[in-house]
C-alpha atoms as a PDB file:
ATOM      1  CA  MET A   1       0.000   0.000   0.000  1.00  0.00           C
ATOM      2  CA  THR A   2       1.477   3.330  -1.031  1.00  0.00           C
ATOM      3  CA  HIS A   3       1.032   6.427   1.066  1.00  0.00           C
ATOM      4  CA  PRO A   4       0.536   9.854  -0.460  1.00  0.00           C
ATOM      5  CA  PRO A   5       3.709  11.953  -0.452  1.00  0.00           C
ATOM      6  CA  LYS A   6       4.274  14.084   2.616  1.00  0.00           C
ATOM      7  CA  ARG A   7       3.735  17.769   1.833  1.00  0.00           C
ATOM      8  CA  ILE A   8       4.897  20.889   3.601  1.00  0.00           C
ATOM      9  CA  TYR A   9       2.292  23.459   4.569  1.00  0.00           C
ATOM     10  CA  ARG A  10       2.190  26.695   6.557  1.00  0.00           C
ATOM     11  CA  SER A  11       0.743  25.902   9.957  1.00  0.00           C
ATOM     12  CA  ARG A  12      -2.678  27.345  10.807  1.00  0.00           C
ATOM     13  CA  THR A  13      -2.335  26.723  14.542  1.00  0.00           C
ATOM     14  CA  ASP A  14       1.359  27.150  15.356  1.00  0.00           C
ATOM     15  CA  ARG A  15       2.223  30.467  13.773  1.00  0.00           C
ATOM     16  CA  GLN A  16       3.900  33.639  14.912  1.00  0.00           C
ATOM     17  CA  LEU A  17       3.923  35.454  11.591  1.00  0.00           C
ATOM     18  CA  ALA A  18       3.052  33.311   8.570  1.00  0.00           C
ATOM     19  CA  GLY A  19       3.289  29.744   9.891  1.00  0.00           C
ATOM     20  CA  ILE A  20       6.421  28.876   7.905  1.00  0.00           C
ATOM     21  CA  CYS A  21       8.497  27.690  10.883  1.00  0.00           C
ATOM     22  CA  GLY A  22       5.513  25.878  12.414  1.00  0.00           C
ATOM     23  CA  GLY A  23       4.960  24.064   9.122  1.00  0.00           C
ATOM     24  CA  ILE A  24       8.628  23.128   8.781  1.00  0.00           C
ATOM     25  CA  GLY A  25       8.643  21.891  12.375  1.00  0.00           C
ATOM     26  CA  SER A  26       5.558  19.774  11.746  1.00  0.00           C
ATOM     27  CA  TYR A  27       6.979  18.389   8.504  1.00  0.00           C
ATOM     28  CA  ALA A  28      10.336  17.489  10.073  1.00  0.00           C
ATOM     29  CA  SER A  29       8.890  16.414  13.461  1.00  0.00           C
ATOM     30  CA  LEU A  30      10.827  19.179  15.219  1.00  0.00           C
ATOM     31  CA  ASP A  31       9.840  21.707  17.837  1.00  0.00           C
ATOM     32  CA  PRO A  32       8.819  24.896  15.959  1.00  0.00           C
ATOM     33  CA  VAL A  33      10.666  27.014  18.548  1.00  0.00           C
ATOM     34  CA  LEU A  34      13.906  25.285  17.546  1.00  0.00           C
ATOM     35  CA  VAL A  35      13.162  25.967  13.885  1.00  0.00           C
ATOM     36  CA  ARG A  36      12.463  29.629  14.692  1.00  0.00           C
ATOM     37  CA  LEU A  37      15.768  29.936  16.564  1.00  0.00           C
ATOM     38  CA  VAL A  38      17.670  28.441  13.623  1.00  0.00           C
ATOM     39  CA  VAL A  39      15.902  30.786  11.180  1.00  0.00           C
ATOM     40  CA  VAL A  40      16.667  33.845  13.331  1.00  0.00           C
ATOM     41  CA  ALA A  41      20.320  32.801  13.727  1.00  0.00           C
ATOM     42  CA  ALA A  42      20.697  32.143  10.000  1.00  0.00           C
ATOM     43  CA  THR A  43      19.056  35.471   9.183  1.00  0.00           C
ATOM     44  CA  CYS A  44      21.396  37.345  11.516  1.00  0.00           C
ATOM     45  CA  LEU A  45      24.486  35.523  10.243  1.00  0.00           C
ATOM     46  CA  THR A  46      23.711  36.175   6.572  1.00  0.00           C
ATOM     47  CA  GLY A  47      23.174  39.910   6.928  1.00  0.00           C
ATOM     48  CA  PHE A  48      19.382  39.884   7.377  1.00  0.00           C
ATOM     49  CA  ILE A  49      18.352  40.469   3.745  1.00  0.00           C
ATOM     50  CA  PRO A  50      18.787  36.860   2.452  1.00  0.00           C
ATOM     51  CA  GLY A  51      16.884  35.421   5.426  1.00  0.00           C
ATOM     52  CA  ILE A  52      14.069  37.940   5.107  1.00  0.00           C
ATOM     53  CA  VAL A  53      13.795  37.347   1.352  1.00  0.00           C
ATOM     54  CA  ALA A  54      13.786  33.558   1.849  1.00  0.00           C
ATOM     55  CA  TYR A  55      11.021  33.857   4.466  1.00  0.00           C
ATOM     56  CA  LEU A  56       8.944  36.070   2.158  1.00  0.00           C
ATOM     57  CA  PHE A  57       9.362  33.583  -0.694  1.00  0.00           C
ATOM     58  CA  GLY A  58       8.254  30.793   1.657  1.00  0.00           C
ATOM     59  CA  TRP A  59       5.232  32.859   2.660  1.00  0.00           C
ATOM     60  CA  ILE A  60       4.261  33.234  -0.993  1.00  0.00           C
ATOM     61  CA  ILE A  61       5.098  29.719  -2.226  1.00  0.00           C
ATOM     62  CA  VAL A  62       4.128  27.374   0.636  1.00  0.00           C
ATOM     63  CA  PRO A  63       0.345  26.832   0.824  1.00  0.00           C
ATOM     64  CA  ASP A  64      -1.709  27.049   4.019  1.00  0.00           C
ATOM     65  CA  GLU A  65      -2.443  23.814   5.816  1.00  0.00           C
ATOM     66  CA  PRO A  66      -5.788  22.389   4.606  1.00  0.00           C
ATOM     67  CA  LEU A  67      -8.708  22.731   6.982  1.00  0.00           C
ATOM     68  CA  PRO A  68      -9.878  19.518   8.654  1.00  0.00           C
ATOM     69  CA  ALA A  69     -12.999  18.036   7.058  1.00  0.00           C
ATOM     70  CA  HIS A  70     -15.150  18.845  10.101  1.00  0.00           C
ATOM     71  CA  ALA A  71     -14.107  22.519  10.028  1.00  0.00           C
ATOM     72  CA  VAL A  72     -15.116  23.215   6.443  1.00  0.00           C
ATOM     73  CA  HIS A  73     -18.094  25.552   6.427  1.00  0.00           C
ATOM     74  CA  ARG A  74     -20.945  24.419   4.260  1.00  0.00           C
ATOM     75  CA  PRO A  75     -23.754  26.836   3.528  1.00  0.00           C
ATOM     76  CA  PRO A  76     -27.131  25.787   4.915  1.00  0.00           C
ATOM     77  CA  VAL A  77     -29.481  24.005   2.569  1.00  0.00           C
ATOM     78  CA  GLU A  78     -32.392  26.208   1.645  1.00  0.00           C
ATOM     79  CA  GLN A  79     -35.784  24.732   2.387  1.00  0.00           C
ATOM     80  CA  PRO A  80     -38.591  25.405  -0.074  1.00  0.00           C
ATOM     81  CA  GLN A  81     -40.904  28.055   1.270  1.00  0.00           C
ATOM     82  CA  GLY A  82     -44.634  27.605   0.967  1.00  0.00           C
ATOM     83  CA  ASP A  83     -47.232  30.311   0.778  1.00  0.00           C
ATOM     84  CA  GLY A  84     -48.542  29.428   4.226  1.00  0.00           C
ATOM     85  CA  THR A  85     -51.674  27.617   3.019  1.00  0.00           C
ATOM     86  CA  GLN A  86     -52.270  23.952   3.270  1.00  0.00           C
END
C-alpha cells in the first residue's frame, strides 16, 4: 500500500507570523521554537536580507495547511418556502 507523499504546509495553529516555521517543524517532526531559533540565527548571520527574502518567498510559495474536514463551512441548505396555506 502506497502512502501519499508528505507535503509541507504553513501551519494554521502554530504560527507567529506566517506559519512557515511551524509548518517546517511539523513536517520534520521538530519543535517549531527550535526551527524559529535556527531561522533567526541564520538570518542574523547572513546579513538579514537573504533570510528575510527567503522567508517572504516561503510565505508566498508554501500553501496554508488544509482545513480539517469537520471545520469546512458548508452553507445551509435552503428549504422550499410555501405560501402558508395547506
